[in-house]
Amino acid sequence: MSHPSETADFTPLTRPQMAARVAADIPEGWYVNLGIGVPTLVADHVPADREVIFHSENGLLGMGKAPPKEAVDPWLINAGKQHVTLNPGGSYFHHADSFAMIRGGHLDLCVLGAFEVAENGDIANWATSVNDSAPAVGGAMDLSAGAKRLWVVMEHTTKDGQPRLVKRCSYPLTALGVVTRVYTNLAVLDVTPEGFIVREMVPGLTFDALQARTDAKLQRA
C-alpha cells in the first residue's frame, strides 16, 4: 500500500532497535514476562546495571540473555522453545506455579507481540493456522488478564501495508481493553480513554505520515 503523505526521510526501527526501545522503559526491580517474537529480544537490551526479573510461563524466574552457541544448555528454554540462560538467584518451578504467579497478579508487566491492537486497548495476537509455530492462544490470555500492565511491540503495518493499529480488531481477540502502550517500528503510543496518543516517532516521520499508516485516529501528545 502506498502512502501519498509519506516522505522517504525516515528509517523504521529494526527488530533489535524496537526491543531496545521497550527495554529502555522498564524500571529497576520489575517482574516481567516476554512473549515470543520481538518481545523475547527485550531481555538482551536491559542495561547491565538495572535488575529486571524476567519470568517465562514454562516455569522460569530470573531468565537471562540468550547464550552463545558454545554455552547452550539444551534443557534450558523459554516458553518460545528458545535457549536462554538463568541469572544468579534464578529458579525453576512447576507450570502450575508459574500460572499461579500470572493469575495472582504478581507480574508488573507483560510484553506481547500482536496482529492488531484497537484504540480501546483490545488485543488480537493468536492464530489457528497449522503453519504457525504457535497455532493457539497459549498463555497470552492469562498474561493479558493477569499482569499489572500489558505493552505490545509489533510492526506498525502488515507486510502489504495494512494498519495494525485499528479502530476495532478484525481477528479473534486475546483480551479486552488491556493494552496500555504500543511500541512499533515507527512510533511509541499510549492507549488511553481518548484513543492512541503518540508519544514518539522515528526521526523524519511526520504525524500525517504516521496517521496514513494507522486505521484509528491518532492524538498528539
Foldseek 3Di string as FASTA:
>chain_A
DDFVVWDPPFDFADLLRLLLVVLVPDAAPFEEEEEPDSSLSNLVNNDPVGDYWYAALQFKTQWHAADDPVPFDCVAAGPLSGTTHHDVVMDGDHNVVSLCCQQVQVGQEYEEEAQAAELLGWTHRAAQDPPDPDRDLPCLLSNLVRYNAYEYEEAQAPPVLAGRYANDDPHDTSDGRGHQWYGHSFFIWGRDPVGTETDDGTPPTDPSSSCSSHHDDYHYD
